PDB file of N, CA and C in Angstrom:
ATOM      1  N   MET A   1     -67.541  71.437 -68.485  1.00  0.00           N
ATOM      2  CA  MET A   1     -67.502  70.217 -67.915  1.00  0.00           C
ATOM      3  C   MET A   1     -66.424  69.324 -68.535  1.00  0.00           C
ATOM      4  N   PHE A   2     -66.291  69.348 -69.726  1.00  0.00           N
ATOM      5  CA  PHE A   2     -65.313  68.610 -70.509  1.00  0.00           C
ATOM      6  C   PHE A   2     -63.924  68.999 -70.214  1.00  0.00           C
ATOM      7  N   LYS A   3     -63.703  70.302 -69.974  1.00  0.00           N
ATOM      8  CA  LYS A   3     -62.501  70.972 -69.607  1.00  0.00           C
ATOM      9  C   LYS A   3     -62.025  70.399 -68.209  1.00  0.00           C
ATOM     10  N   ILE A   4     -62.893  70.428 -67.257  1.00  0.00           N
ATOM     11  CA  ILE A   4     -62.599  69.871 -65.893  1.00  0.00           C
ATOM     12  C   ILE A   4     -62.166  68.468 -65.950  1.00  0.00           C
ATOM     13  N   ILE A   5     -62.869  67.603 -66.690  1.00  0.00           N
ATOM     14  CA  ILE A   5     -62.472  66.289 -66.831  1.00  0.00           C
ATOM     15  C   ILE A   5     -61.192  66.065 -67.482  1.00  0.00           C
ATOM     16  N   LYS A   6     -60.871  66.906 -68.427  1.00  0.00           N
ATOM     17  CA  LYS A   6     -59.729  66.851 -69.168  1.00  0.00           C
ATOM     18  C   LYS A   6     -58.471  67.244 -68.184  1.00  0.00           C
ATOM     19  N   ASN A   7     -58.723  68.271 -67.386  1.00  0.00           N
ATOM     20  CA  ASN A   7     -57.761  68.776 -66.407  1.00  0.00           C
ATOM     21  C   ASN A   7     -57.533  67.596 -65.347  1.00  0.00           C
ATOM     22  N   ILE A   8     -58.562  67.049 -64.877  1.00  0.00           N
ATOM     23  CA  ILE A   8     -58.516  65.905 -63.834  1.00  0.00           C
ATOM     24  C   ILE A   8     -57.699  64.702 -64.465  1.00  0.00           C
ATOM     25  N   THR A   9     -57.959  64.462 -65.615  1.00  0.00           N
ATOM     26  CA  THR A   9     -57.427  63.113 -66.338  1.00  0.00           C
ATOM     27  C   THR A   9     -56.012  63.532 -66.437  1.00  0.00           C
ATOM     28  N   LEU A  10     -55.545  64.770 -67.026  1.00  0.00           N
ATOM     29  CA  LEU A  10     -54.184  65.171 -67.203  1.00  0.00           C
ATOM     30  C   LEU A  10     -53.463  65.124 -65.806  1.00  0.00           C
ATOM     31  N   SER A  11     -54.102  65.673 -64.799  1.00  0.00           N
ATOM     32  CA  SER A  11     -53.406  65.552 -63.576  1.00  0.00           C
ATOM     33  C   SER A  11     -53.146  64.257 -63.103  1.00  0.00           C
ATOM     34  N   SER A  12     -54.189  63.315 -63.219  1.00  0.00           N
ATOM     35  CA  SER A  12     -54.006  61.872 -62.752  1.00  0.00           C
ATOM     36  C   SER A  12     -52.884  61.249 -63.518  1.00  0.00           C
ATOM     37  N   ILE A  13     -52.673  61.494 -64.806  1.00  0.00           N
ATOM     38  CA  ILE A  13     -51.697  60.930 -65.604  1.00  0.00           C
ATOM     39  C   ILE A  13     -50.187  61.360 -65.104  1.00  0.00           C
ATOM     40  N   ILE A  14     -50.236  62.668 -64.801  1.00  0.00           N
ATOM     41  CA  ILE A  14     -48.921  63.294 -64.264  1.00  0.00           C
ATOM     42  C   ILE A  14     -48.635  62.770 -62.897  1.00  0.00           C
ATOM     43  N   ILE A  15     -49.538  62.665 -62.128  1.00  0.00           N
ATOM     44  CA  ILE A  15     -49.143  61.915 -60.790  1.00  0.00           C
ATOM     45  C   ILE A  15     -48.796  60.550 -60.881  1.00  0.00           C
ATOM     46  N   LEU A  16     -49.479  59.874 -61.791  1.00  0.00           N
ATOM     47  CA  LEU A  16     -49.220  58.392 -61.880  1.00  0.00           C
ATOM     48  C   LEU A  16     -47.837  58.319 -62.451  1.00  0.00           C
ATOM     49  N   PHE A  17     -47.317  59.088 -63.382  1.00  0.00           N
ATOM     50  CA  PHE A  17     -46.015  59.046 -64.044  1.00  0.00           C
ATOM     51  C   PHE A  17     -44.961  59.413 -62.900  1.00  0.00           C
ATOM     52  N   PHE A  18     -45.152  60.397 -62.120  1.00  0.00           N
ATOM     53  CA  PHE A  18     -44.191  60.537 -61.245  1.00  0.00           C
ATOM     54  C   PHE A  18     -44.104  59.477 -59.995  1.00  0.00           C
ATOM     55  N   ALA A  19     -45.275  58.898 -59.667  1.00  0.00           N
ATOM     56  CA  ALA A  19     -45.254  57.754 -58.885  1.00  0.00           C
ATOM     57  C   ALA A  19     -44.563  56.579 -59.382  1.00  0.00           C
ATOM     58  N   LEU A  20     -44.709  56.354 -60.597  1.00  0.00           N
ATOM     59  CA  LEU A  20     -43.884  55.255 -61.241  1.00  0.00           C
ATOM     60  C   LEU A  20     -42.503  55.479 -61.337  1.00  0.00           C
ATOM     61  N   CYS A  21     -42.084  56.805 -61.701  1.00  0.00           N
ATOM     62  CA  CYS A  21     -40.711  57.133 -61.543  1.00  0.00           C
ATOM     63  C   CYS A  21     -40.022  56.833 -60.191  1.00  0.00           C
ATOM     64  N   LEU A  22     -40.746  57.413 -59.190  1.00  0.00           N
ATOM     65  CA  LEU A  22     -40.219  57.254 -57.898  1.00  0.00           C
ATOM     66  C   LEU A  22     -40.149  55.762 -57.452  1.00  0.00           C
ATOM     67  N   PHE A  23     -41.126  54.792 -57.826  1.00  0.00           N
ATOM     68  CA  PHE A  23     -41.112  53.439 -57.571  1.00  0.00           C
ATOM     69  C   PHE A  23     -39.944  52.834 -58.326  1.00  0.00           C
ATOM     70  N   ALA A  24     -39.720  53.191 -59.470  1.00  0.00           N
ATOM     71  CA  ALA A  24     -38.617  52.568 -60.296  1.00  0.00           C
ATOM     72  C   ALA A  24     -37.209  53.008 -59.695  1.00  0.00           C
ATOM     73  N   LYS A  25     -37.033  54.091 -59.241  1.00  0.00           N
ATOM     74  CA  LYS A  25     -35.869  54.504 -58.496  1.00  0.00           C
ATOM     75  C   LYS A  25     -35.527  53.711 -57.305  1.00  0.00           C
ATOM     76  N   GLU A  26     -36.606  53.441 -56.505  1.00  0.00           N
ATOM     77  CA  GLU A  26     -36.421  52.662 -55.342  1.00  0.00           C
ATOM     78  C   GLU A  26     -35.798  51.235 -55.510  1.00  0.00           C
ATOM     79  N   ASN A  27     -36.102  50.722 -56.785  1.00  0.00           N
ATOM     80  CA  ASN A  27     -35.794  49.290 -57.020  1.00  0.00           C
ATOM     81  C   ASN A  27     -34.563  49.269 -57.867  1.00  0.00           C
ATOM     82  N   ARG A  28     -33.727  50.267 -58.009  1.00  0.00           N
ATOM     83  CA  ARG A  28     -32.632  50.212 -58.803  1.00  0.00           C
ATOM     84  C   ARG A  28     -31.438  49.650 -57.978  1.00  0.00           C
ATOM     85  N   LEU A  29     -30.688  48.753 -58.817  1.00  0.00           N
ATOM     86  CA  LEU A  29     -29.517  48.097 -57.956  1.00  0.00           C
ATOM     87  C   LEU A  29     -28.487  49.050 -57.606  1.00  0.00           C
ATOM     88  N   ASN A  30     -27.903  49.064 -56.497  1.00  0.00           N
ATOM     89  CA  ASN A  30     -26.859  49.983 -55.940  1.00  0.00           C
ATOM     90  C   ASN A  30     -25.574  49.200 -56.052  1.00  0.00           C
ATOM     91  N   GLY A  31     -25.679  47.933 -55.965  1.00  0.00           N
ATOM     92  CA  GLY A  31     -24.304  47.161 -56.123  1.00  0.00           C
ATOM     93  C   GLY A  31     -24.627  45.716 -56.469  1.00  0.00           C
ATOM     94  N   ILE A  32     -23.563  45.050 -56.978  1.00  0.00           N
ATOM     95  CA  ILE A  32     -23.657  43.607 -57.320  1.00  0.00           C
ATOM     96  C   ILE A  32     -22.352  42.931 -56.786  1.00  0.00           C
ATOM     97  N   ARG A  33     -22.371  42.012 -55.996  1.00  0.00           N
ATOM     98  CA  ARG A  33     -21.132  41.332 -55.483  1.00  0.00           C
ATOM     99  C   ARG A  33     -21.308  39.644 -55.920  1.00  0.00           C
ATOM    100  N   PHE A  34     -20.039  39.259 -55.985  1.00  0.00           N
ATOM    101  CA  PHE A  34     -19.720  37.798 -56.393  1.00  0.00           C
ATOM    102  C   PHE A  34     -19.050  37.311 -55.247  1.00  0.00           C
ATOM    103  N   ILE A  35     -19.636  36.320 -54.612  1.00  0.00           N
ATOM    104  CA  ILE A  35     -19.025  35.652 -53.479  1.00  0.00           C
ATOM    105  C   ILE A  35     -18.725  34.104 -53.692  1.00  0.00           C
ATOM    106  N   GLY A  36     -17.485  33.681 -53.556  1.00  0.00           N
ATOM    107  CA  GLY A  36     -17.169  32.316 -53.703  1.00  0.00           C
ATOM    108  C   GLY A  36     -16.505  32.007 -54.954  1.00  0.00           C
ATOM    109  N   LEU A  37     -16.198  32.997 -55.694  1.00  0.00           N
ATOM    110  CA  LEU A  37     -15.224  32.794 -56.985  1.00  0.00           C
ATOM    111  C   LEU A  37     -14.010  32.588 -56.673  1.00  0.00           C
ATOM    112  N   LYS A  38     -13.373  31.321 -57.261  1.00  0.00           N
ATOM    113  CA  LYS A  38     -12.059  30.993 -56.907  1.00  0.00           C
ATOM    114  C   LYS A  38     -11.184  30.897 -58.343  1.00  0.00           C
ATOM    115  N   ASN A  39     -11.823  30.131 -59.290  1.00  0.00           N
ATOM    116  CA  ASN A  39     -11.087  29.843 -60.630  1.00  0.00           C
ATOM    117  C   ASN A  39     -11.676  30.829 -61.554  1.00  0.00           C
ATOM    118  N   VAL A  40     -13.047  31.146 -61.466  1.00  0.00           N
ATOM    119  CA  VAL A  40     -13.680  31.917 -62.449  1.00  0.00           C
ATOM    120  C   VAL A  40     -13.607  33.364 -62.270  1.00  0.00           C
ATOM    121  N   LYS A  41     -13.233  34.111 -63.098  1.00  0.00           N
ATOM    122  CA  LYS A  41     -13.084  35.606 -63.048  1.00  0.00           C
ATOM    123  C   LYS A  41     -14.459  36.382 -62.864  1.00  0.00           C
ATOM    124  N   ALA A  42     -14.389  37.216 -62.037  1.00  0.00           N
ATOM    125  CA  ALA A  42     -15.684  38.061 -61.906  1.00  0.00           C
ATOM    126  C   ALA A  42     -16.082  38.741 -63.232  1.00  0.00           C
ATOM    127  N   LYS A  43     -15.051  39.108 -63.991  1.00  0.00           N
ATOM    128  CA  LYS A  43     -15.270  39.682 -65.349  1.00  0.00           C
ATOM    129  C   LYS A  43     -16.047  38.644 -66.206  1.00  0.00           C
ATOM    130  N   THR A  44     -15.731  37.453 -66.152  1.00  0.00           N
ATOM    131  CA  THR A  44     -16.594  36.385 -66.888  1.00  0.00           C
ATOM    132  C   THR A  44     -17.974  36.351 -66.426  1.00  0.00           C
ATOM    133  N   VAL A  45     -18.210  36.428 -65.123  1.00  0.00           N
ATOM    134  CA  VAL A  45     -19.591  36.384 -64.625  1.00  0.00           C
ATOM    135  C   VAL A  45     -20.291  37.677 -65.012  1.00  0.00           C
ATOM    136  N   LYS A  46     -19.576  38.794 -64.868  1.00  0.00           N
ATOM    137  CA  LYS A  46     -20.323  40.106 -65.227  1.00  0.00           C
ATOM    138  C   LYS A  46     -20.737  40.029 -66.744  1.00  0.00           C
ATOM    139  N   SER A  47     -19.922  39.371 -67.494  1.00  0.00           N
ATOM    140  CA  SER A  47     -20.253  39.446 -69.042  1.00  0.00           C
ATOM    141  C   SER A  47     -21.337  38.537 -69.247  1.00  0.00           C
ATOM    142  N   GLU A  48     -21.858  37.662 -68.320  1.00  0.00           N
ATOM    143  CA  GLU A  48     -22.931  36.697 -68.625  1.00  0.00           C
ATOM    144  C   GLU A  48     -24.139  37.083 -68.027  1.00  0.00           C
ATOM    145  N   ILE A  49     -24.230  37.954 -67.049  1.00  0.00           N
ATOM    146  CA  ILE A  49     -25.476  38.410 -66.549  1.00  0.00           C
ATOM    147  C   ILE A  49     -26.056  39.712 -67.117  1.00  0.00           C
ATOM    148  N   LYS A  50     -27.307  39.795 -66.989  1.00  0.00           N
ATOM    149  CA  LYS A  50     -28.055  41.032 -67.514  1.00  0.00           C
ATOM    150  C   LYS A  50     -28.401  42.045 -66.489  1.00  0.00           C
ATOM    151  N   SER A  51     -28.298  41.553 -65.203  1.00  0.00           N
ATOM    152  CA  SER A  51     -28.562  42.474 -64.013  1.00  0.00           C
ATOM    153  C   SER A  51     -27.408  43.413 -63.981  1.00  0.00           C
ATOM    154  N   LYS A  52     -27.674  44.858 -63.916  1.00  0.00           N
ATOM    155  CA  LYS A  52     -26.697  45.734 -63.899  1.00  0.00           C
ATOM    156  C   LYS A  52     -26.921  46.757 -62.815  1.00  0.00           C
ATOM    157  N   VAL A  53     -25.827  47.354 -62.325  1.00  0.00           N
ATOM    158  CA  VAL A  53     -26.013  48.483 -61.191  1.00  0.00           C
ATOM    159  C   VAL A  53     -26.675  49.570 -61.893  1.00  0.00           C
ATOM    160  N   LYS A  54     -27.487  50.332 -61.197  1.00  0.00           N
ATOM    161  CA  LYS A  54     -28.177  51.460 -61.567  1.00  0.00           C
ATOM    162  C   LYS A  54     -29.429  51.190 -62.444  1.00  0.00           C
ATOM    163  N   LYS A  55     -29.709  49.979 -62.784  1.00  0.00           N
ATOM    164  CA  LYS A  55     -30.880  49.377 -63.509  1.00  0.00           C
ATOM    165  C   LYS A  55     -31.773  48.827 -62.549  1.00  0.00           C
ATOM    166  N   PRO A  56     -33.084  48.669 -62.917  1.00  0.00           N
ATOM    167  CA  PRO A  56     -34.066  48.208 -62.095  1.00  0.00           C
ATOM    168  C   PRO A  56     -33.804  46.728 -61.697  1.00  0.00           C
ATOM    169  N   TYR A  57     -34.087  46.328 -60.494  1.00  0.00           N
ATOM    170  CA  TYR A  57     -34.047  44.931 -60.010  1.00  0.00           C
ATOM    171  C   TYR A  57     -35.197  44.320 -60.575  1.00  0.00           C
ATOM    172  N   LEU A  58     -35.015  43.192 -61.297  1.00  0.00           N
ATOM    173  CA  LEU A  58     -36.228  42.375 -61.856  1.00  0.00           C
ATOM    174  C   LEU A  58     -36.008  40.810 -61.615  1.00  0.00           C
ATOM    175  N   GLU A  59     -36.894  40.246 -60.872  1.00  0.00           N
ATOM    176  CA  GLU A  59     -36.678  38.942 -60.497  1.00  0.00           C
ATOM    177  C   GLU A  59     -36.482  37.977 -61.743  1.00  0.00           C
ATOM    178  N   GLU A  60     -37.243  38.204 -62.785  1.00  0.00           N
ATOM    179  CA  GLU A  60     -37.087  37.444 -63.961  1.00  0.00           C
ATOM    180  C   GLU A  60     -35.603  37.466 -64.580  1.00  0.00           C
ATOM    181  N   LYS A  61     -35.023  38.685 -64.571  1.00  0.00           N
ATOM    182  CA  LYS A  61     -33.796  38.941 -64.995  1.00  0.00           C
ATOM    183  C   LYS A  61     -32.805  38.161 -64.127  1.00  0.00           C
ATOM    184  N   VAL A  62     -32.910  38.039 -62.775  1.00  0.00           N
ATOM    185  CA  VAL A  62     -32.107  37.397 -62.051  1.00  0.00           C
ATOM    186  C   VAL A  62     -32.161  35.936 -62.312  1.00  0.00           C
ATOM    187  N   LYS A  63     -33.380  35.454 -62.493  1.00  0.00           N
ATOM    188  CA  LYS A  63     -33.484  33.990 -62.698  1.00  0.00           C
ATOM    189  C   LYS A  63     -32.707  33.614 -63.994  1.00  0.00           C
ATOM    190  N   SER A  64     -32.760  34.463 -64.983  1.00  0.00           N
ATOM    191  CA  SER A  64     -32.237  34.246 -66.362  1.00  0.00           C
ATOM    192  C   SER A  64     -30.661  34.339 -66.104  1.00  0.00           C
ATOM    193  N   ASP A  65     -30.173  35.169 -65.112  1.00  0.00           N
ATOM    194  CA  ASP A  65     -28.732  35.301 -64.845  1.00  0.00           C
ATOM    195  C   ASP A  65     -28.226  33.990 -64.288  1.00  0.00           C
ATOM    196  N   ILE A  66     -29.097  33.458 -63.364  1.00  0.00           N
ATOM    197  CA  ILE A  66     -28.664  32.189 -62.683  1.00  0.00           C
ATOM    198  C   ILE A  66     -28.684  31.097 -63.679  1.00  0.00           C
ATOM    199  N   LYS A  67     -29.552  31.055 -64.593  1.00  0.00           N
ATOM    200  CA  LYS A  67     -29.563  29.869 -65.638  1.00  0.00           C
ATOM    201  C   LYS A  67     -28.263  30.211 -66.532  1.00  0.00           C
ATOM    202  N   ALA A  68     -28.010  31.345 -67.020  1.00  0.00           N
ATOM    203  CA  ALA A  68     -26.836  31.599 -67.798  1.00  0.00           C
ATOM    204  C   ALA A  68     -25.560  31.241 -67.242  1.00  0.00           C
ATOM    205  N   LEU A  69     -25.402  31.538 -65.780  1.00  0.00           N
ATOM    206  CA  LEU A  69     -24.183  31.122 -65.224  1.00  0.00           C
ATOM    207  C   LEU A  69     -24.178  29.656 -64.934  1.00  0.00           C
ATOM    208  N   MET A  70     -25.222  28.983 -64.713  1.00  0.00           N
ATOM    209  CA  MET A  70     -25.088  27.554 -64.530  1.00  0.00           C
ATOM    210  C   MET A  70     -24.808  26.840 -66.004  1.00  0.00           C
ATOM    211  N   GLU A  71     -25.212  27.455 -67.012  1.00  0.00           N
ATOM    212  CA  GLU A  71     -24.794  26.971 -68.292  1.00  0.00           C
ATOM    213  C   GLU A  71     -23.336  27.237 -68.676  1.00  0.00           C
ATOM    214  N   LEU A  72     -22.641  27.877 -67.875  1.00  0.00           N
ATOM    215  CA  LEU A  72     -21.115  28.026 -68.066  1.00  0.00           C
ATOM    216  C   LEU A  72     -20.342  26.707 -67.913  1.00  0.00           C
ATOM    217  N   GLY A  73     -21.238  25.775 -66.887  1.00  0.00           N
ATOM    218  CA  GLY A  73     -20.626  24.529 -66.619  1.00  0.00           C
ATOM    219  C   GLY A  73     -19.464  24.656 -65.537  1.00  0.00           C
ATOM    220  N   CYS A  74     -19.250  25.745 -64.908  1.00  0.00           N
ATOM    221  CA  CYS A  74     -18.230  25.947 -64.069  1.00  0.00           C
ATOM    222  C   CYS A  74     -18.655  25.840 -62.557  1.00  0.00           C
ATOM    223  N   PHE A  75     -19.991  25.823 -62.437  1.00  0.00           N
ATOM    224  CA  PHE A  75     -20.516  25.772 -61.038  1.00  0.00           C
ATOM    225  C   PHE A  75     -21.445  24.744 -60.652  1.00  0.00           C
ATOM    226  N   ASP A  76     -21.401  24.218 -59.383  1.00  0.00           N
ATOM    227  CA  ASP A  76     -22.332  23.234 -59.019  1.00  0.00           C
ATOM    228  C   ASP A  76     -23.587  23.900 -58.560  1.00  0.00           C
ATOM    229  N   ASP A  77     -23.463  25.161 -58.009  1.00  0.00           N
ATOM    230  CA  ASP A  77     -24.644  25.776 -57.517  1.00  0.00           C
ATOM    231  C   ASP A  77     -24.418  27.360 -57.603  1.00  0.00           C
ATOM    232  N   VAL A  78     -25.478  28.057 -57.817  1.00  0.00           N
ATOM    233  CA  VAL A  78     -25.367  29.590 -57.753  1.00  0.00           C
ATOM    234  C   VAL A  78     -26.698  29.974 -57.073  1.00  0.00           C
ATOM    235  N   GLU A  79     -26.514  30.738 -56.066  1.00  0.00           N
ATOM    236  CA  GLU A  79     -27.607  31.231 -55.138  1.00  0.00           C
ATOM    237  C   GLU A  79     -27.630  32.848 -55.269  1.00  0.00           C
ATOM    238  N   VAL A  80     -28.647  33.359 -54.985  1.00  0.00           N
ATOM    239  CA  VAL A  80     -28.691  34.955 -55.088  1.00  0.00           C
ATOM    240  C   VAL A  80     -29.489  35.447 -53.857  1.00  0.00           C
ATOM    241  N   SER A  81     -29.028  36.658 -53.402  1.00  0.00           N
ATOM    242  CA  SER A  81     -29.700  37.276 -52.243  1.00  0.00           C
ATOM    243  C   SER A  81     -29.850  38.704 -52.656  1.00  0.00           C
ATOM    244  N   ILE A  82     -31.006  39.393 -52.369  1.00  0.00           N
ATOM    245  CA  ILE A  82     -31.108  40.659 -52.556  1.00  0.00           C
ATOM    246  C   ILE A  82     -31.452  41.343 -51.252  1.00  0.00           C
ATOM    247  N   ASP A  83     -30.756  42.433 -50.947  1.00  0.00           N
ATOM    248  CA  ASP A  83     -31.128  43.167 -49.695  1.00  0.00           C
ATOM    249  C   ASP A  83     -31.936  44.442 -50.119  1.00  0.00           C
ATOM    250  N   THR A  84     -33.285  44.307 -49.804  1.00  0.00           N
ATOM    251  CA  THR A  84     -34.171  45.363 -50.206  1.00  0.00           C
ATOM    252  C   THR A  84     -34.066  46.675 -49.538  1.00  0.00           C
ATOM    253  N   ASN A  85     -33.238  46.664 -48.423  1.00  0.00           N
ATOM    254  CA  ASN A  85     -33.102  48.048 -47.789  1.00  0.00           C
ATOM    255  C   ASN A  85     -32.098  48.804 -48.646  1.00  0.00           C
ATOM    256  N   THR A  86     -30.930  48.087 -49.091  1.00  0.00           N
ATOM    257  CA  THR A  86     -29.871  48.799 -49.758  1.00  0.00           C
ATOM    258  C   THR A  86     -29.999  48.592 -51.363  1.00  0.00           C
ATOM    259  N   TRP A  87     -30.689  47.622 -51.769  1.00  0.00           N
ATOM    260  CA  TRP A  87     -30.819  47.251 -53.147  1.00  0.00           C
ATOM    261  C   TRP A  87     -29.393  46.727 -53.673  1.00  0.00           C
ATOM    262  N   ASN A  88     -28.769  45.833 -52.854  1.00  0.00           N
ATOM    263  CA  ASN A  88     -27.530  45.307 -53.210  1.00  0.00           C
ATOM    264  C   ASN A  88     -27.856  43.707 -53.604  1.00  0.00           C
ATOM    265  N   LEU A  89     -27.255  43.322 -54.573  1.00  0.00           N
ATOM    266  CA  LEU A  89     -27.537  41.928 -55.046  1.00  0.00           C
ATOM    267  C   LEU A  89     -26.272  41.301 -54.873  1.00  0.00           C
ATOM    268  N   ALA A  90     -26.398  39.984 -54.245  1.00  0.00           N
ATOM    269  CA  ALA A  90     -25.240  39.131 -54.054  1.00  0.00           C
ATOM    270  C   ALA A  90     -25.341  37.822 -54.783  1.00  0.00           C
ATOM    271  N   PHE A  91     -24.353  37.305 -55.503  1.00  0.00           N
ATOM    272  CA  PHE A  91     -24.340  35.903 -56.068  1.00  0.00           C
ATOM    273  C   PHE A  91     -23.428  35.203 -55.262  1.00  0.00           C
ATOM    274  N   PHE A  92     -23.782  34.103 -54.821  1.00  0.00           N
ATOM    275  CA  PHE A  92     -23.065  33.070 -54.012  1.00  0.00           C
ATOM    276  C   PHE A  92     -22.783  31.868 -54.877  1.00  0.00           C
ATOM    277  N   PHE A  93     -21.480  31.521 -55.093  1.00  0.00           N
ATOM    278  CA  PHE A  93     -21.086  30.455 -56.112  1.00  0.00           C
ATOM    279  C   PHE A  93     -20.425  29.232 -55.254  1.00  0.00           C
ATOM    280  N   LYS A  94     -20.844  28.129 -55.777  1.00  0.00           N
ATOM    281  CA  LYS A  94     -20.076  26.891 -55.453  1.00  0.00           C
ATOM    282  C   LYS A  94     -19.495  26.392 -56.757  1.00  0.00           C
ATOM    283  N   GLU A  95     -18.245  26.431 -56.929  1.00  0.00           N
ATOM    284  CA  GLU A  95     -17.473  26.230 -58.170  1.00  0.00           C
ATOM    285  C   GLU A  95     -17.306  24.702 -58.125  1.00  0.00           C
ATOM    286  N   ARG A  96     -17.245  24.164 -59.217  1.00  0.00           N
ATOM    287  CA  ARG A  96     -16.968  22.777 -59.482  1.00  0.00           C
ATOM    288  C   ARG A  96     -15.436  22.651 -59.219  1.00  0.00           C
ATOM    289  N   PRO A  97     -14.987  21.466 -58.668  1.00  0.00           N
ATOM    290  CA  PRO A  97     -13.599  21.220 -58.550  1.00  0.00           C
ATOM    291  C   PRO A  97     -12.724  21.386 -59.760  1.00  0.00           C
ATOM    292  N   LYS A  98     -11.636  21.900 -59.630  1.00  0.00           N
ATOM    293  CA  LYS A  98     -10.656  21.987 -60.750  1.00  0.00           C
ATOM    294  C   LYS A  98      -9.641  20.940 -60.670  1.00  0.00           C
ATOM    295  N   ILE A  99      -9.323  20.310 -61.694  1.00  0.00           N
ATOM    296  CA  ILE A  99      -8.277  19.189 -61.764  1.00  0.00           C
ATOM    297  C   ILE A  99      -7.025  19.992 -61.934  1.00  0.00           C
ATOM    298  N   SER A 100      -5.988  19.693 -61.018  1.00  0.00           N
ATOM    299  CA  SER A 100      -4.815  20.406 -61.136  1.00  0.00           C
ATOM    300  C   SER A 100      -3.673  19.670 -61.518  1.00  0.00           C
ATOM    301  N   GLU A 101      -3.840  18.159 -61.358  1.00  0.00           N
ATOM    302  CA  GLU A 101      -2.822  17.347 -61.767  1.00  0.00           C
ATOM    303  C   GLU A 101      -3.367  16.010 -62.013  1.00  0.00           C
ATOM    304  N   ILE A 102      -2.844  15.247 -63.168  1.00  0.00           N
ATOM    305  CA  ILE A 102      -3.167  13.845 -63.350  1.00  0.00           C
ATOM    306  C   ILE A 102      -1.799  13.155 -63.135  1.00  0.00           C
ATOM    307  N   ASN A 103      -1.799  11.984 -62.445  1.00  0.00           N
ATOM    308  CA  ASN A 103      -0.717  11.171 -62.375  1.00  0.00           C
ATOM    309  C   ASN A 103      -1.017   9.840 -62.982  1.00  0.00           C
ATOM    310  N   PHE A 104      -0.102   9.269 -63.801  1.00  0.00           N
ATOM    311  CA  PHE A 104      -0.296   7.906 -64.420  1.00  0.00           C
ATOM    312  C   PHE A 104       0.609   6.923 -63.591  1.00  0.00           C
ATOM    313  N   LYS A 105      -0.048   5.971 -63.030  1.00  0.00           N
ATOM    314  CA  LYS A 105       0.664   4.961 -62.241  1.00  0.00           C
ATOM    315  C   LYS A 105       0.464   3.579 -62.807  1.00  0.00           C
ATOM    316  N   GLY A 106       1.426   2.700 -62.689  1.00  0.00           N
ATOM    317  CA  GLY A 106       1.205   1.319 -63.142  1.00  0.00           C
ATOM    318  C   GLY A 106       1.244   1.056 -64.702  1.00  0.00           C
ATOM    319  N   ASN A 107       1.334   2.027 -65.361  1.00  0.00           N
ATOM    320  CA  ASN A 107       1.295   1.843 -66.871  1.00  0.00           C
ATOM    321  C   ASN A 107       2.936   1.615 -67.219  1.00  0.00           C
ATOM    322  N   LYS A 108       2.879   0.584 -68.098  1.00  0.00           N
ATOM    323  CA  LYS A 108       4.269   0.151 -68.631  1.00  0.00           C
ATOM    324  C   LYS A 108       4.238   0.014 -70.172  1.00  0.00           C
ATOM    325  N   LYS A 109       2.966   0.082 -70.699  1.00  0.00           N
ATOM    326  CA  LYS A 109       2.978  -0.085 -72.239  1.00  0.00           C
ATOM    327  C   LYS A 109       2.936   1.147 -72.981  1.00  0.00           C
ATOM    328  N   LEU A 110       2.532   2.328 -72.332  1.00  0.00           N
ATOM    329  CA  LEU A 110       2.466   3.380 -73.006  1.00  0.00           C
ATOM    330  C   LEU A 110       3.257   4.579 -72.433  1.00  0.00           C
ATOM    331  N   SER A 111       3.773   5.468 -73.183  1.00  0.00           N
ATOM    332  CA  SER A 111       4.630   6.595 -72.427  1.00  0.00           C
ATOM    333  C   SER A 111       3.589   7.583 -72.010  1.00  0.00           C
ATOM    334  N   LYS A 112       4.130   8.395 -70.964  1.00  0.00           N
ATOM    335  CA  LYS A 112       3.234   9.474 -70.331  1.00  0.00           C
ATOM    336  C   LYS A 112       2.779  10.468 -71.414  1.00  0.00           C
ATOM    337  N   GLY A 113       3.769  10.701 -72.340  1.00  0.00           N
ATOM    338  CA  GLY A 113       3.440  11.770 -73.475  1.00  0.00           C
ATOM    339  C   GLY A 113       2.321  11.311 -74.294  1.00  0.00           C
ATOM    340  N   LYS A 114       2.346   9.955 -74.620  1.00  0.00           N
ATOM    341  CA  LYS A 114       1.281   9.292 -75.539  1.00  0.00           C
ATOM    342  C   LYS A 114       0.000   9.399 -74.765  1.00  0.00           C
ATOM    343  N   LEU A 115      -0.104   9.073 -73.453  1.00  0.00           N
ATOM    344  CA  LEU A 115      -1.283   9.137 -72.651  1.00  0.00           C
ATOM    345  C   LEU A 115      -1.742  10.591 -72.590  1.00  0.00           C
ATOM    346  N   LYS A 116      -0.923  11.500 -72.424  1.00  0.00           N
ATOM    347  CA  LYS A 116      -1.460  12.920 -72.364  1.00  0.00           C
ATOM    348  C   LYS A 116      -1.946  13.291 -73.695  1.00  0.00           C
ATOM    349  N   ASP A 117      -1.322  12.954 -74.851  1.00  0.00           N
ATOM    350  CA  ASP A 117      -1.840  13.376 -76.002  1.00  0.00           C
ATOM    351  C   ASP A 117      -3.319  12.666 -76.367  1.00  0.00           C
ATOM    352  N   GLU A 118      -3.459  11.633 -75.796  1.00  0.00           N
ATOM    353  CA  GLU A 118      -4.780  10.886 -76.036  1.00  0.00           C
ATOM    354  C   GLU A 118      -5.789  11.577 -75.151  1.00  0.00           C
ATOM    355  N   MET A 119      -5.490  12.287 -74.068  1.00  0.00           N
ATOM    356  CA  MET A 119      -6.435  12.951 -73.282  1.00  0.00           C
ATOM    357  C   MET A 119      -6.900  14.314 -73.790  1.00  0.00           C
ATOM    358  N   ALA A 120      -6.131  14.860 -74.573  1.00  0.00           N
ATOM    359  CA  ALA A 120      -6.243  16.309 -74.999  1.00  0.00           C
ATOM    360  C   ALA A 120      -7.320  16.194 -76.146  1.00  0.00           C
TER     361      ALA A 120
END
């Protein structure tokens, strides 16, 4: 009797183990895309996120990724989309505007060089 229960329990554990392995493989990320990057390099974004290709998709990890990316201070918004058919993750970025030039007009008391030094 004990041997039958032991065999059933062992069989149940083995089946459960294989079921969990199969489920985990289905939720592995096949790709990660970054859409909307203009001034920030994809390499910088990759170094900040914990979600990785061939690793399981975890919603908590993606939420943490969004928080880390927003803390960079380069983005007004970061959104995420997951395609559960292909397990491809996409990050959509709205970057903050980049100041490309500053012009000083109407100033006669200080030189441009002095003003630029004060800004730095």
